[in-house]
Amino acid sequence: MRITLPSGTAVEVARPDGTPRVGLVVTPDIFGIRPHFDALAAGWARDWGMAVAVVDQYAGAQPADDADVAARYAAVATIDDERHLADLHAAADVLGTPVSGLMGFCMGGMYCFNSARSNRFSRIASFYGMITLPDAWKGPGHGEPLDYLRAGHPDRVLAIIGEKDTWTPADQVAKLRDLGVTVVGYPEAEHAFAHDPSRPVHRADDAKDAFARARAWLEGA
């Protein structure tokens, strides 16, 4: 079900049967909120028993052409960290669960690192999030993920990393570990190996393991 936050940001909400203990807020990849994430949210609600809210990072300003990655890179530079965090908090309010967790993918994984400065999320699962802000995404509203982690709760963060992912080089992953982030690496995995089976980099066994670990981490809050 699509709803709109008071800020005007779109959110896809999926709820399980019964009364969930954990509310899972999700910040998606660079392609944003879309039918694929609607389906993922419904699956997590059904299979994990969590209330789920997928938040549009672009706040309604997604490029019209889904395939225009250059336009999306330019759009990312306009996102404001504080506004996006406020939307993540508002989505958690909508779910209204005793415990709030956060999960994100690629760009959304980076926002998971950024959001570790918040007290709101008891556990955070970042899938292949950028550890340093890419040059193309630098803008006045963006800070560095490592700085946010350093000032926040790195111990609440699980980082799922593909060890062949050029966006997350080993020296940067070491900095996550030094800050107290729990890191799980997959030696043969590239970027975005888990959340979209249609991609050629998808690794079914690694994805299954990574999602099992993410679920256990979030449920452990």
N, C-alpha and C. Protein backbone atom coordinates (compact mmCIF):
# COMPACT_ATOMS: atom_id res chain seq x y z
N MET A 1 0.83 -1.19 0.00
CA MET A 1 0.00 0.00 0.00
C MET A 1 0.87 1.25 0.00
N ARG A 2 0.65 2.12 -0.95
CA ARG A 2 1.38 3.39 -1.00
C ARG A 2 0.71 4.41 -0.10
N ILE A 3 1.53 5.08 0.70
CA ILE A 3 1.06 6.21 1.48
C ILE A 3 2.00 7.39 1.23
N THR A 4 1.61 8.55 1.70
CA THR A 4 2.45 9.75 1.59
C THR A 4 2.68 10.32 2.98
N LEU A 5 3.93 10.52 3.33
CA LEU A 5 4.27 11.11 4.63
C LEU A 5 3.89 12.59 4.65
N PRO A 6 3.80 13.20 5.82
CA PRO A 6 3.52 14.64 5.88
C PRO A 6 4.50 15.49 5.07
N SER A 7 5.73 14.99 4.89
CA SER A 7 6.72 15.71 4.10
C SER A 7 6.43 15.67 2.60
N GLY A 8 5.52 14.79 2.18
CA GLY A 8 5.24 14.58 0.78
C GLY A 8 5.95 13.38 0.18
N THR A 9 6.77 12.71 0.97
CA THR A 9 7.53 11.56 0.49
C THR A 9 6.66 10.31 0.42
N ALA A 10 6.80 9.56 -0.68
CA ALA A 10 6.05 8.32 -0.86
C ALA A 10 6.69 7.18 -0.08
N VAL A 11 5.86 6.31 0.47
CA VAL A 11 6.31 5.14 1.23
C VAL A 11 5.41 3.96 0.87
N GLU A 12 6.03 2.81 0.62
CA GLU A 12 5.28 1.57 0.44
C GLU A 12 5.25 0.83 1.77
N VAL A 13 4.05 0.52 2.26
CA VAL A 13 3.87 -0.14 3.54
C VAL A 13 3.29 -1.54 3.33
N ALA A 14 3.88 -2.51 4.00
CA ALA A 14 3.38 -3.89 3.99
C ALA A 14 3.34 -4.39 5.43
N ARG A 15 2.23 -5.01 5.80
CA ARG A 15 2.08 -5.48 7.18
C ARG A 15 1.81 -6.99 7.20
N PRO A 16 2.33 -7.65 8.21
CA PRO A 16 2.08 -9.10 8.33
C PRO A 16 0.75 -9.35 9.03
N ASP A 17 0.36 -10.61 9.06
CA ASP A 17 -0.75 -11.00 9.92
C ASP A 17 -0.31 -10.86 11.37
N GLY A 18 -1.22 -10.56 12.24
CA GLY A 18 -0.88 -10.44 13.65
C GLY A 18 -0.30 -9.09 13.99
N THR A 19 0.32 -9.02 15.18
CA THR A 19 0.89 -7.78 15.68
C THR A 19 2.41 -7.90 15.71
N PRO A 20 3.10 -7.24 14.82
CA PRO A 20 4.56 -7.41 14.75
C PRO A 20 5.29 -6.67 15.87
N ARG A 21 6.39 -7.25 16.32
CA ARG A 21 7.25 -6.58 17.29
C ARG A 21 8.22 -5.62 16.61
N VAL A 22 8.70 -5.99 15.41
CA VAL A 22 9.72 -5.23 14.71
C VAL A 22 9.12 -4.51 13.51
N GLY A 23 9.42 -3.24 13.41
CA GLY A 23 9.10 -2.47 12.21
C GLY A 23 10.37 -2.25 11.42
N LEU A 24 10.35 -2.63 10.15
CA LEU A 24 11.54 -2.55 9.30
C LEU A 24 11.37 -1.42 8.29
N VAL A 25 12.17 -0.39 8.44
CA VAL A 25 12.20 0.71 7.49
C VAL A 25 13.30 0.40 6.47
N VAL A 26 13.00 0.59 5.19
CA VAL A 26 13.92 0.21 4.11
C VAL A 26 14.21 1.42 3.23
N THR A 27 15.49 1.63 2.96
CA THR A 27 15.92 2.68 2.04
C THR A 27 16.56 1.98 0.83
N PRO A 28 15.93 2.09 -0.36
CA PRO A 28 16.31 1.23 -1.49
C PRO A 28 17.56 1.69 -2.23
N ASP A 29 17.82 1.03 -3.36
CA ASP A 29 19.01 1.33 -4.16
C ASP A 29 18.79 2.58 -5.02
N ILE A 30 19.72 2.86 -5.91
CA ILE A 30 19.67 4.10 -6.68
C ILE A 30 18.45 4.19 -7.59
N PHE A 31 17.81 3.05 -7.89
CA PHE A 31 16.62 3.07 -8.72
C PHE A 31 15.35 3.34 -7.92
N GLY A 32 15.48 3.47 -6.62
CA GLY A 32 14.41 4.00 -5.79
C GLY A 32 13.24 3.07 -5.56
N ILE A 33 12.18 3.65 -5.03
CA ILE A 33 10.96 2.91 -4.72
C ILE A 33 10.28 2.55 -6.05
N ARG A 34 9.89 1.26 -6.18
CA ARG A 34 9.37 0.76 -7.45
C ARG A 34 8.74 -0.61 -7.21
N PRO A 35 8.11 -1.20 -8.23
CA PRO A 35 7.42 -2.48 -8.01
C PRO A 35 8.29 -3.59 -7.42
N HIS A 36 9.58 -3.62 -7.80
CA HIS A 36 10.44 -4.66 -7.24
C HIS A 36 10.52 -4.55 -5.72
N PHE A 37 10.64 -3.32 -5.21
CA PHE A 37 10.71 -3.16 -3.75
C PHE A 37 9.34 -3.32 -3.10
N ASP A 38 8.26 -3.04 -3.84
CA ASP A 38 6.93 -3.36 -3.31
C ASP A 38 6.83 -4.86 -3.04
N ALA A 39 7.32 -5.67 -3.99
CA ALA A 39 7.28 -7.12 -3.84
C ALA A 39 8.19 -7.60 -2.71
N LEU A 40 9.38 -7.00 -2.63
CA LEU A 40 10.28 -7.37 -1.53
C LEU A 40 9.65 -7.05 -0.18
N ALA A 41 9.02 -5.89 -0.06
CA ALA A 41 8.39 -5.50 1.20
C ALA A 41 7.29 -6.50 1.58
N ALA A 42 6.47 -6.89 0.61
CA ALA A 42 5.41 -7.86 0.89
C ALA A 42 6.00 -9.19 1.34
N GLY A 43 7.11 -9.60 0.73
CA GLY A 43 7.75 -10.85 1.12
C GLY A 43 8.34 -10.80 2.51
N TRP A 44 9.00 -9.69 2.84
CA TRP A 44 9.56 -9.57 4.19
C TRP A 44 8.45 -9.55 5.24
N ALA A 45 7.36 -8.86 4.96
CA ALA A 45 6.24 -8.83 5.91
C ALA A 45 5.67 -10.23 6.11
N ARG A 46 5.50 -10.96 5.02
CA ARG A 46 4.92 -12.30 5.09
C ARG A 46 5.87 -13.30 5.75
N ASP A 47 7.15 -13.29 5.31
CA ASP A 47 8.08 -14.35 5.72
C ASP A 47 8.80 -14.02 7.02
N TRP A 48 9.04 -12.74 7.28
CA TRP A 48 9.76 -12.35 8.48
C TRP A 48 8.82 -11.91 9.61
N GLY A 49 7.57 -11.66 9.29
CA GLY A 49 6.62 -11.24 10.31
C GLY A 49 6.86 -9.83 10.81
N MET A 50 7.49 -9.00 9.98
CA MET A 50 7.76 -7.61 10.35
C MET A 50 6.84 -6.67 9.57
N ALA A 51 6.49 -5.54 10.16
CA ALA A 51 5.86 -4.46 9.41
C ALA A 51 6.97 -3.75 8.64
N VAL A 52 6.73 -3.43 7.38
CA VAL A 52 7.79 -2.92 6.50
C VAL A 52 7.33 -1.62 5.85
N ALA A 53 8.26 -0.67 5.77
CA ALA A 53 8.01 0.60 5.08
C ALA A 53 9.22 0.93 4.22
N VAL A 54 9.02 1.00 2.90
CA VAL A 54 10.08 1.36 1.95
C VAL A 54 9.93 2.83 1.61
N VAL A 55 10.99 3.59 1.82
CA VAL A 55 10.94 5.05 1.74
C VAL A 55 11.63 5.55 0.47
N ASP A 56 10.98 6.45 -0.25
CA ASP A 56 11.55 7.09 -1.44
C ASP A 56 12.60 8.12 -1.02
N GLN A 57 13.88 7.80 -1.28
CA GLN A 57 14.93 8.75 -0.91
C GLN A 57 14.85 10.06 -1.69
N TYR A 58 14.32 9.98 -2.91
CA TYR A 58 14.29 11.15 -3.78
C TYR A 58 13.16 12.11 -3.44
N ALA A 59 12.28 11.70 -2.53
CA ALA A 59 11.16 12.56 -2.10
C ALA A 59 10.36 13.09 -3.29
N GLY A 60 10.06 12.19 -4.23
CA GLY A 60 9.25 12.56 -5.38
C GLY A 60 10.00 13.16 -6.54
N ALA A 61 11.33 13.27 -6.43
CA ALA A 61 12.12 13.91 -7.48
C ALA A 61 12.97 12.90 -8.24
N GLN A 62 12.51 11.65 -8.34
CA GLN A 62 13.25 10.65 -9.11
C GLN A 62 13.29 11.04 -10.58
N PRO A 63 14.39 10.81 -11.27
CA PRO A 63 14.42 11.02 -12.71
C PRO A 63 13.35 10.18 -13.40
N ALA A 64 12.76 10.73 -14.45
CA ALA A 64 11.67 10.04 -15.14
C ALA A 64 12.14 8.78 -15.84
N ASP A 65 13.36 8.79 -16.35
CA ASP A 65 13.90 7.65 -17.07
C ASP A 65 14.63 6.73 -16.10
N ASP A 66 14.03 5.58 -15.81
CA ASP A 66 14.61 4.65 -14.84
C ASP A 66 16.00 4.20 -15.25
N ALA A 67 16.26 4.15 -16.55
CA ALA A 67 17.54 3.62 -17.04
C ALA A 67 18.64 4.66 -17.10
N ASP A 68 18.31 5.91 -16.86
CA ASP A 68 19.30 6.99 -16.97
C ASP A 68 20.08 7.09 -15.66
N VAL A 69 21.13 6.28 -15.56
CA VAL A 69 21.90 6.22 -14.32
C VAL A 69 22.60 7.55 -14.06
N ALA A 70 23.07 8.22 -15.12
CA ALA A 70 23.74 9.51 -14.94
C ALA A 70 22.80 10.53 -14.30
N ALA A 71 21.55 10.54 -14.74
CA ALA A 71 20.57 11.45 -14.14
C ALA A 71 20.31 11.10 -12.69
N ARG A 72 20.32 9.82 -12.40
CA ARG A 72 20.10 9.40 -11.01
C ARG A 72 21.29 9.80 -10.13
N TYR A 73 22.51 9.68 -10.64
CA TYR A 73 23.66 10.12 -9.88
C TYR A 73 23.54 11.60 -9.55
N ALA A 74 23.13 12.39 -10.54
CA ALA A 74 22.96 13.83 -10.31
C ALA A 74 21.87 14.08 -9.28
N ALA A 75 20.80 13.29 -9.33
CA ALA A 75 19.71 13.47 -8.38
C ALA A 75 20.13 13.12 -6.96
N VAL A 76 20.99 12.11 -6.81
CA VAL A 76 21.46 11.74 -5.47
C VAL A 76 22.17 12.91 -4.80
N ALA A 77 22.91 13.68 -5.58
CA ALA A 77 23.65 14.82 -5.01
C ALA A 77 22.73 15.85 -4.40
N THR A 78 21.44 15.84 -4.76
CA THR A 78 20.49 16.82 -4.21
C THR A 78 19.80 16.33 -2.95
N ILE A 79 19.99 15.07 -2.59
CA ILE A 79 19.34 14.53 -1.39
C ILE A 79 19.99 15.13 -0.15
N ASP A 80 19.16 15.47 0.81
CA ASP A 80 19.66 16.03 2.06
C ASP A 80 19.59 14.95 3.15
N ASP A 81 20.72 14.70 3.81
CA ASP A 81 20.78 13.65 4.82
C ASP A 81 19.76 13.85 5.93
N GLU A 82 19.60 15.08 6.38
CA GLU A 82 18.68 15.33 7.50
C GLU A 82 17.23 15.11 7.08
N ARG A 83 16.90 15.54 5.85
CA ARG A 83 15.53 15.33 5.38
C ARG A 83 15.24 13.85 5.24
N HIS A 84 16.19 13.11 4.67
CA HIS A 84 15.95 11.68 4.49
C HIS A 84 15.84 10.97 5.83
N LEU A 85 16.67 11.32 6.79
CA LEU A 85 16.58 10.70 8.11
C LEU A 85 15.23 11.02 8.75
N ALA A 86 14.75 12.25 8.57
CA ALA A 86 13.43 12.62 9.11
C ALA A 86 12.34 11.76 8.48
N ASP A 87 12.46 11.48 7.18
CA ASP A 87 11.48 10.60 6.52
C ASP A 87 11.57 9.17 7.05
N LEU A 88 12.79 8.68 7.30
CA LEU A 88 12.94 7.34 7.87
C LEU A 88 12.29 7.27 9.25
N HIS A 89 12.48 8.31 10.06
CA HIS A 89 11.84 8.36 11.38
C HIS A 89 10.31 8.37 11.23
N ALA A 90 9.82 9.18 10.29
CA ALA A 90 8.36 9.27 10.09
C ALA A 90 7.79 7.94 9.63
N ALA A 91 8.53 7.22 8.79
CA ALA A 91 8.07 5.90 8.35
C ALA A 91 8.01 4.93 9.53
N ALA A 92 9.00 5.00 10.42
CA ALA A 92 8.97 4.16 11.62
C ALA A 92 7.76 4.51 12.49
N ASP A 93 7.42 5.79 12.55
CA ASP A 93 6.23 6.21 13.31
C ASP A 93 4.97 5.59 12.71
N VAL A 94 4.89 5.55 11.38
CA VAL A 94 3.73 4.97 10.72
C VAL A 94 3.58 3.49 11.10
N LEU A 95 4.71 2.77 11.16
CA LEU A 95 4.64 1.34 11.49
C LEU A 95 4.22 1.12 12.93
N GLY A 96 4.64 1.99 13.83
CA GLY A 96 4.16 1.97 15.21
C GLY A 96 4.50 0.73 16.00
N THR A 97 5.66 0.13 15.73
CA THR A 97 6.06 -1.11 16.42
C THR A 97 6.94 -0.79 17.63
N PRO A 98 7.04 -1.74 18.57
CA PRO A 98 7.90 -1.50 19.73
C PRO A 98 9.37 -1.32 19.38
N VAL A 99 9.83 -2.01 18.33
CA VAL A 99 11.23 -1.98 17.91
C VAL A 99 11.29 -1.52 16.45
N SER A 100 12.24 -0.64 16.15
CA SER A 100 12.43 -0.17 14.78
C SER A 100 13.80 -0.58 14.28
N GLY A 101 13.83 -1.21 13.10
CA GLY A 101 15.08 -1.54 12.43
C GLY A 101 15.15 -0.84 11.09
N LEU A 102 16.35 -0.81 10.52
CA LEU A 102 16.58 -0.15 9.24
C LEU A 102 17.40 -1.07 8.35
N MET A 103 17.04 -1.13 7.07
CA MET A 103 17.80 -1.93 6.11
C MET A 103 17.88 -1.16 4.80
N GLY A 104 19.04 -1.26 4.12
CA GLY A 104 19.18 -0.55 2.86
C GLY A 104 20.15 -1.24 1.92
N PHE A 105 20.08 -0.85 0.65
CA PHE A 105 20.81 -1.52 -0.41
C PHE A 105 21.53 -0.50 -1.29
N CYS A 106 22.82 -0.77 -1.54
CA CYS A 106 23.62 0.11 -2.41
C CYS A 106 23.59 1.53 -1.86
N MET A 107 23.02 2.48 -2.59
CA MET A 107 22.89 3.83 -2.07
C MET A 107 22.16 3.82 -0.72
N GLY A 108 21.11 3.00 -0.64
CA GLY A 108 20.39 2.88 0.63
C GLY A 108 21.24 2.28 1.73
N GLY A 109 22.18 1.40 1.35
CA GLY A 109 23.11 0.89 2.34
C GLY A 109 24.00 1.98 2.90
N MET A 110 24.38 2.93 2.04
CA MET A 110 25.13 4.08 2.52
C MET A 110 24.30 4.90 3.50
N TYR A 111 23.01 5.08 3.17
CA TYR A 111 22.15 5.83 4.09
C TYR A 111 21.94 5.09 5.40
N CYS A 112 22.08 3.77 5.38
CA CYS A 112 22.08 3.04 6.65
C CYS A 112 23.26 3.46 7.52
N PHE A 113 24.45 3.55 6.91
CA PHE A 113 25.60 4.03 7.68
C PHE A 113 25.35 5.44 8.20
N ASN A 114 24.82 6.29 7.32
CA ASN A 114 24.56 7.68 7.73
C ASN A 114 23.56 7.74 8.89
N SER A 115 22.59 6.84 8.87
CA SER A 115 21.51 6.88 9.87
C SER A 115 21.90 6.24 11.19
N ALA A 116 23.10 5.68 11.28
CA ALA A 116 23.56 5.14 12.55
C ALA A 116 23.76 6.23 13.59
N ARG A 117 23.71 7.49 13.16
CA ARG A 117 23.79 8.60 14.13
C ARG A 117 22.49 8.75 14.92
N SER A 118 21.42 8.12 14.44
CA SER A 118 20.11 8.22 15.08
C SER A 118 19.99 7.23 16.23
N ASN A 119 19.25 7.62 17.26
CA ASN A 119 18.94 6.71 18.35
C ASN A 119 17.73 5.84 18.05
N ARG A 120 17.05 6.11 16.96
CA ARG A 120 15.74 5.50 16.71
C ARG A 120 15.83 4.02 16.32
N PHE A 121 16.88 3.65 15.60
CA PHE A 121 16.94 2.30 15.04
C PHE A 121 17.81 1.39 15.91
N SER A 122 17.17 0.36 16.45
CA SER A 122 17.87 -0.54 17.36
C SER A 122 18.90 -1.39 16.64
N ARG A 123 18.60 -1.78 15.40
CA ARG A 123 19.52 -2.55 14.58
C ARG A 123 19.44 -2.05 13.14
N ILE A 124 20.56 -2.11 12.44
CA ILE A 124 20.65 -1.62 11.07
C ILE A 124 21.39 -2.66 10.24
N ALA A 125 20.85 -2.99 9.07
CA ALA A 125 21.50 -3.93 8.14
C ALA A 125 21.76 -3.21 6.83
N SER A 126 23.04 -3.01 6.51
CA SER A 126 23.45 -2.32 5.29
C SER A 126 23.97 -3.34 4.29
N PHE A 127 23.32 -3.42 3.14
CA PHE A 127 23.79 -4.28 2.07
C PHE A 127 24.62 -3.46 1.09
N TYR A 128 25.91 -3.79 1.02
CA TYR A 128 26.87 -3.17 0.10
C TYR A 128 26.73 -1.66 -0.03
N GLY A 129 26.64 -1.00 1.14
CA GLY A 129 26.56 0.46 1.14
C GLY A 129 27.92 1.09 0.92
N MET A 130 27.91 2.23 0.23
CA MET A 130 29.15 2.97 0.00
C MET A 130 29.70 3.48 1.33
N ILE A 131 30.97 3.26 1.55
CA ILE A 131 31.60 3.58 2.83
C ILE A 131 32.15 5.00 2.82
N THR A 132 32.54 5.47 1.66
CA THR A 132 32.86 6.89 1.48
C THR A 132 31.94 7.44 0.40
N LEU A 133 31.60 8.70 0.51
CA LEU A 133 30.66 9.35 -0.41
C LEU A 133 31.28 9.49 -1.79
N PRO A 134 30.69 8.87 -2.82
CA PRO A 134 31.23 9.03 -4.18
C PRO A 134 31.25 10.49 -4.61
N ASP A 135 32.26 10.86 -5.38
CA ASP A 135 32.39 12.25 -5.82
C ASP A 135 31.14 12.75 -6.52
N ALA A 136 30.53 11.90 -7.35
CA ALA A 136 29.36 12.31 -8.12
C ALA A 136 28.14 12.58 -7.24
N TRP A 137 28.18 12.11 -5.99
CA TRP A 137 27.05 12.29 -5.09
C TRP A 137 27.27 13.42 -4.09
N LYS A 138 28.40 14.07 -4.15
CA LYS A 138 28.68 15.11 -3.17
C LYS A 138 27.79 16.32 -3.41
N GLY A 139 27.19 16.80 -2.33
CA GLY A 139 26.32 17.95 -2.38
C GLY A 139 26.23 18.58 -1.01
N PRO A 140 25.61 19.74 -0.90
CA PRO A 140 25.59 20.46 0.37
C PRO A 140 24.87 19.74 1.49
N GLY A 141 23.98 18.80 1.15
CA GLY A 141 23.24 18.10 2.19
C GLY A 141 23.82 16.78 2.61
N HIS A 142 24.99 16.41 2.05
CA HIS A 142 25.58 15.11 2.32
C HIS A 142 26.80 15.20 3.21
N GLY A 143 26.89 14.25 4.15
CA GLY A 143 28.10 14.08 4.94
C GLY A 143 28.74 12.74 4.61
N GLU A 144 29.85 12.46 5.27
CA GLU A 144 30.58 11.23 5.03
C GLU A 144 30.06 10.10 5.92
N PRO A 145 29.80 8.93 5.34
CA PRO A 145 29.29 7.81 6.14
C PRO A 145 30.16 7.46 7.35
N LEU A 146 31.47 7.45 7.19
CA LEU A 146 32.33 7.10 8.32
C LEU A 146 32.22 8.12 9.45
N ASP A 147 32.04 9.38 9.10
CA ASP A 147 31.87 10.41 10.14
C ASP A 147 30.57 10.19 10.90
N TYR A 148 29.50 9.86 10.18
CA TYR A 148 28.22 9.59 10.84
C TYR A 148 28.33 8.37 11.75
N LEU A 149 28.99 7.33 11.26
CA LEU A 149 29.17 6.15 12.09
C LEU A 149 29.98 6.46 13.34
N ARG A 150 31.04 7.21 13.16
CA ARG A 150 31.92 7.55 14.28
C ARG A 150 31.17 8.32 15.37
N ALA A 151 30.22 9.15 14.94
CA ALA A 151 29.47 9.97 15.89
C ALA A 151 28.22 9.27 16.41
N GLY A 152 27.94 8.05 15.94
CA GLY A 152 26.69 7.41 16.28
C GLY A 152 26.84 6.06 16.95
N HIS A 153 26.19 5.06 16.37
CA HIS A 153 26.11 3.73 16.97
C HIS A 153 26.60 2.67 15.99
N PRO A 154 27.89 2.62 15.72
CA PRO A 154 28.38 1.61 14.77
C PRO A 154 28.14 0.19 15.24
N ASP A 155 28.03 -0.02 16.55
CA ASP A 155 27.80 -1.36 17.08
C ASP A 155 26.42 -1.90 16.73
N ARG A 156 25.52 -1.05 16.29
CA ARG A 156 24.18 -1.49 15.89
C ARG A 156 24.12 -1.92 14.42
N VAL A 157 25.23 -1.79 13.70
CA VAL A 157 25.22 -1.95 12.25
C VAL A 157 25.83 -3.28 11.81
N LEU A 158 25.11 -3.98 10.95
CA LEU A 158 25.63 -5.13 10.22
C LEU A 158 25.87 -4.71 8.78
N ALA A 159 27.09 -4.89 8.29
CA ALA A 159 27.43 -4.55 6.91
C ALA A 159 27.62 -5.83 6.11
N ILE A 160 26.79 -6.01 5.10
CA ILE A 160 26.90 -7.13 4.16
C ILE A 160 27.74 -6.64 2.99
N ILE A 161 28.87 -7.29 2.73
CA ILE A 161 29.84 -6.80 1.76
C ILE A 161 30.19 -7.90 0.76
N GLY A 162 30.21 -7.55 -0.52
CA GLY A 162 30.78 -8.42 -1.53
C GLY A 162 32.26 -8.09 -1.67
N GLU A 163 33.11 -9.08 -1.51
CA GLU A 163 34.54 -8.80 -1.46
C GLU A 163 35.14 -8.48 -2.83
N LYS A 164 34.34 -8.63 -3.91
CA LYS A 164 34.76 -8.19 -5.24
C LYS A 164 34.05 -6.90 -5.66
N ASP A 165 33.45 -6.24 -4.71
CA ASP A 165 32.70 -5.00 -4.97
C ASP A 165 33.66 -3.82 -4.98
N THR A 166 33.79 -3.17 -6.13
CA THR A 166 34.72 -2.04 -6.23
C THR A 166 34.24 -0.82 -5.45
N TRP A 167 32.95 -0.78 -5.08
CA TRP A 167 32.43 0.33 -4.28
C TRP A 167 32.84 0.22 -2.81
N THR A 168 33.25 -0.98 -2.38
CA THR A 168 33.60 -1.19 -0.98
C THR A 168 34.96 -1.86 -0.88
N PRO A 169 36.03 -1.14 -1.20
CA PRO A 169 37.37 -1.74 -1.17
C PRO A 169 37.79 -2.16 0.23
N ALA A 170 38.72 -3.09 0.28
CA ALA A 170 39.11 -3.73 1.55
C ALA A 170 39.61 -2.73 2.58
N ASP A 171 40.33 -1.69 2.15
CA ASP A 171 40.84 -0.74 3.13
C ASP A 171 39.72 0.04 3.80
N GLN A 172 38.63 0.30 3.04
CA GLN A 172 37.49 0.98 3.63
C GLN A 172 36.68 0.05 4.53
N VAL A 173 36.56 -1.21 4.13
CA VAL A 173 35.88 -2.19 4.97
C VAL A 173 36.60 -2.33 6.31
N ALA A 174 37.92 -2.27 6.28
CA ALA A 174 38.70 -2.34 7.52
C ALA A 174 38.35 -1.18 8.46
N LYS A 175 38.04 -0.03 7.89
CA LYS A 175 37.65 1.11 8.72
C LYS A 175 36.30 0.88 9.39
N LEU A 176 35.40 0.19 8.69
CA LEU A 176 34.13 -0.18 9.33
C LEU A 176 34.39 -1.06 10.54
N ARG A 177 35.22 -2.06 10.35
CA ARG A 177 35.53 -2.97 11.47
C ARG A 177 36.18 -2.22 12.62
N ASP A 178 37.08 -1.30 12.30
CA ASP A 178 37.77 -0.54 13.35
C ASP A 178 36.78 0.29 14.18
N LEU A 179 35.69 0.71 13.55
CA LEU A 179 34.69 1.50 14.26
C LEU A 179 33.73 0.64 15.07
N GLY A 180 33.76 -0.67 14.89
CA GLY A 180 32.89 -1.56 15.64
C GLY A 180 31.69 -2.08 14.85
N VAL A 181 31.64 -1.82 13.55
CA VAL A 181 30.60 -2.39 12.70
C VAL A 181 30.85 -3.89 12.55
N THR A 182 29.78 -4.68 12.59
CA THR A 182 29.88 -6.10 12.31
C THR A 182 29.83 -6.30 10.80
N VAL A 183 30.88 -6.91 10.24
CA VAL A 183 31.00 -7.06 8.79
C VAL A 183 30.94 -8.54 8.42
N VAL A 184 30.11 -8.85 7.43
CA VAL A 184 30.08 -10.18 6.84
C VAL A 184 30.43 -10.04 5.36
N GLY A 185 31.52 -10.71 4.96
CA GLY A 185 31.98 -10.62 3.58
C GLY A 185 31.72 -11.90 2.81
N TYR A 186 31.45 -11.74 1.52
CA TYR A 186 31.23 -12.87 0.62
C TYR A 186 32.31 -12.82 -0.46
N PRO A 187 33.26 -13.75 -0.43
CA PRO A 187 34.49 -13.64 -1.23
C PRO A 187 34.28 -13.51 -2.73
N GLU A 188 33.27 -14.15 -3.29
CA GLU A 188 33.08 -14.14 -4.74
C GLU A 188 32.02 -13.15 -5.20
N ALA A 189 31.46 -12.38 -4.28
CA ALA A 189 30.32 -11.53 -4.60
C ALA A 189 30.76 -10.15 -5.07
N GLU A 190 30.00 -9.63 -6.04
CA GLU A 190 30.19 -8.27 -6.52
C GLU A 190 29.09 -7.38 -5.95
N HIS A 191 29.08 -6.11 -6.38
CA HIS A 191 28.09 -5.17 -5.88
C HIS A 191 26.68 -5.64 -6.27
N ALA A 192 25.73 -5.48 -5.32
CA ALA A 192 24.31 -5.75 -5.57
C ALA A 192 24.03 -7.22 -5.85
N PHE A 193 24.73 -8.10 -5.15
CA PHE A 193 24.61 -9.54 -5.42
C PHE A 193 23.37 -10.17 -4.81
N ALA A 194 22.64 -9.45 -3.94
CA ALA A 194 21.63 -10.12 -3.13
C ALA A 194 20.18 -9.78 -3.46
N HIS A 195 19.86 -8.53 -3.72
CA HIS A 195 18.45 -8.13 -3.64
C HIS A 195 17.67 -8.15 -4.94
N ASP A 196 18.33 -8.46 -6.07
CA ASP A 196 17.62 -8.45 -7.34
C ASP A 196 18.07 -9.63 -8.20
N PRO A 197 17.28 -10.72 -8.21
CA PRO A 197 17.67 -11.92 -8.97
C PRO A 197 17.82 -11.69 -10.47
N SER A 198 17.28 -10.59 -10.99
CA SER A 198 17.38 -10.34 -12.43
C SER A 198 18.75 -9.83 -12.85
N ARG A 199 19.57 -9.45 -11.89
CA ARG A 199 20.89 -8.91 -12.24
C ARG A 199 21.89 -10.04 -12.47
N PRO A 200 22.80 -9.87 -13.41
CA PRO A 200 23.76 -10.93 -13.70
C PRO A 200 24.71 -11.21 -12.54
N VAL A 201 24.87 -10.26 -11.61
CA VAL A 201 25.77 -10.46 -10.47
C VAL A 201 25.10 -11.22 -9.33
N HIS A 202 23.82 -11.53 -9.47
CA HIS A 202 23.09 -12.17 -8.37
C HIS A 202 23.70 -13.52 -8.04
N ARG A 203 23.84 -13.79 -6.73
CA ARG A 203 24.38 -15.06 -6.24
C ARG A 203 23.36 -15.63 -5.25
N ALA A 204 22.60 -16.62 -5.70
CA ALA A 204 21.45 -17.09 -4.94
C ALA A 204 21.83 -17.60 -3.56
N ASP A 205 22.87 -18.41 -3.47
CA ASP A 205 23.24 -18.98 -2.16
C ASP A 205 23.75 -17.90 -1.22
N ASP A 206 24.58 -17.01 -1.73
CA ASP A 206 25.08 -15.92 -0.90
C ASP A 206 23.94 -15.00 -0.47
N ALA A 207 23.01 -14.74 -1.40
CA ALA A 207 21.88 -13.88 -1.06
C ALA A 207 21.03 -14.50 0.05
N LYS A 208 20.77 -15.79 -0.06
CA LYS A 208 19.99 -16.47 0.97
C LYS A 208 20.66 -16.37 2.33
N ASP A 209 21.98 -16.58 2.35
CA ASP A 209 22.73 -16.49 3.60
C ASP A 209 22.71 -15.06 4.14
N ALA A 210 22.92 -14.08 3.25
CA ALA A 210 22.97 -12.69 3.68
C ALA A 210 21.64 -12.24 4.27
N PHE A 211 20.54 -12.62 3.63
CA PHE A 211 19.23 -12.22 4.16
C PHE A 211 18.92 -12.93 5.47
N ALA A 212 19.36 -14.17 5.61
CA ALA A 212 19.17 -14.87 6.88
C ALA A 212 19.93 -14.16 8.00
N ARG A 213 21.14 -13.72 7.70
CA ARG A 213 21.93 -13.00 8.70
C ARG A 213 21.30 -11.65 9.03
N ALA A 214 20.80 -10.96 8.00
CA ALA A 214 20.17 -9.67 8.22
C ALA A 214 18.92 -9.83 9.10
N ARG A 215 18.12 -10.83 8.79
CA ARG A 215 16.92 -11.07 9.58
C ARG A 215 17.27 -11.35 11.04
N ALA A 216 18.24 -12.25 11.26
CA ALA A 216 18.63 -12.57 12.64
C ALA A 216 19.16 -11.34 13.36
N TRP A 217 19.91 -10.51 12.66
CA TRP A 217 20.45 -9.29 13.26
C TRP A 217 19.32 -8.35 13.69
N LEU A 218 18.36 -8.16 12.78
CA LEU A 218 17.25 -7.24 13.07
C LEU A 218 16.37 -7.80 14.19
N GLU A 219 16.12 -9.09 14.17
CA GLU A 219 15.29 -9.70 15.20
C GLU A 219 15.98 -9.72 16.55
N GLY A 220 17.31 -9.60 16.57
CA GLY A 220 18.05 -9.63 17.82
C GLY A 220 17.98 -8.35 18.62
N ALA A 221 17.30 -7.34 18.09
CA ALA A 221 17.21 -6.06 18.80
C ALA A 221 16.36 -6.20 20.05
